[in-house]
Amino acid sequence: MENILYSLINSHGVWILDPEIQATFASFSPSAQPSDEILNRFWKLRSLRKSLCQFCFGLALIIVAITPILRFYK
């Protein structure tokens, strides 16, 4: 169950969020300030990706902590 959930979240982050973040970042110009709408979209996507990464990290820690316990429970 955890692997399926992890793969769904990971694939969403890699295949959906990252291209959107990269496209938004590519629209920035070094000589001009981007509009507030574009900046807000960029930071919103980054915060969503960060929250997904934190969730996956927590899930991985839980799996690492519980696996040895379940192994010796039998």
Protein backbone atom coordinates (compact mmCIF):
# COMPACT_ATOMS: atom_id res chain seq x y z
CA MET A 1 0.00 0.00 0.00
CA GLU A 2 2.76 2.42 0.94
CA ASN A 3 4.65 1.70 -2.27
CA ILE A 4 1.61 2.47 -4.39
CA LEU A 5 0.95 5.70 -2.51
CA TYR A 6 4.61 6.68 -2.71
CA SER A 7 4.79 5.98 -6.45
CA LEU A 8 1.63 8.00 -7.11
CA ILE A 9 2.93 10.99 -5.17
CA ASN A 10 6.40 10.69 -6.66
CA SER A 11 5.12 10.39 -10.22
CA HIS A 12 2.82 13.38 -9.67
CA GLY A 13 5.77 15.41 -8.43
CA VAL A 14 8.12 14.34 -11.21
CA TRP A 15 5.83 14.16 -14.22
CA ILE A 16 3.28 16.89 -13.45
CA LEU A 17 4.71 19.44 -11.04
CA ASP A 18 8.33 19.61 -12.20
CA PRO A 19 7.55 20.43 -15.86
CA GLU A 20 5.15 23.16 -14.71
CA ILE A 21 7.75 24.59 -12.34
CA GLN A 22 10.44 24.46 -15.02
CA ALA A 23 8.18 26.11 -17.61
CA THR A 24 7.28 28.87 -15.17
CA PHE A 25 10.91 29.37 -14.20
CA ALA A 26 11.96 29.45 -17.87
CA SER A 27 9.59 32.36 -18.45
CA PHE A 28 11.60 34.50 -16.00
CA SER A 29 13.93 37.05 -17.53
CA PRO A 30 17.22 38.07 -15.92
CA SER A 31 16.70 41.69 -16.94
CA ALA A 32 13.04 42.17 -15.96
CA GLN A 33 10.98 41.49 -12.88
CA PRO A 34 8.28 38.84 -13.56
CA SER A 35 4.68 39.72 -12.90
CA ASP A 36 3.17 38.97 -9.51
CA GLU A 37 0.84 36.39 -11.06
CA ILE A 38 3.74 34.37 -12.44
CA LEU A 39 5.71 34.66 -9.20
CA ASN A 40 2.73 33.55 -7.13
CA ARG A 41 2.16 30.57 -9.42
CA PHE A 42 5.84 29.61 -9.21
CA TRP A 43 5.94 29.76 -5.39
CA LYS A 44 2.61 27.95 -5.10
CA LEU A 45 3.90 25.06 -7.24
CA ARG A 46 7.15 24.93 -5.28
CA SER A 47 5.34 24.84 -1.95
CA LEU A 48 3.08 22.05 -3.21
CA ARG A 49 6.11 20.05 -4.33
CA LYS A 50 7.79 20.67 -0.97
CA SER A 51 4.76 19.43 0.95
CA LEU A 52 4.65 16.29 -1.21
CA CYS A 53 8.36 15.71 -0.59
CA GLN A 54 7.89 16.12 3.15
CA PHE A 55 5.02 13.63 3.10
CA CYS A 56 7.10 11.09 1.16
CA PHE A 57 10.03 11.58 3.54
CA GLY A 58 7.78 10.97 6.54
CA LEU A 59 6.34 7.89 4.88
CA ALA A 60 9.84 6.57 4.19
CA LEU A 61 10.85 7.14 7.82
CA ILE A 62 7.79 5.26 9.03
CA ILE A 63 8.59 2.35 6.73
CA VAL A 64 12.23 2.29 7.87
CA ALA A 65 11.16 2.34 11.53
CA ILE A 66 8.38 -0.26 11.29
CA THR A 67 10.08 -2.80 8.99
CA PRO A 68 12.55 -4.12 11.61
CA ILE A 69 9.80 -4.27 14.21
CA LEU A 70 7.57 -6.32 11.92
CA ARG A 71 10.45 -8.58 10.97
CA PHE A 72 11.09 -9.63 14.56
CA TYR A 73 7.44 -9.61 15.58
CA LYS A 74 6.87 -13.02 14.05
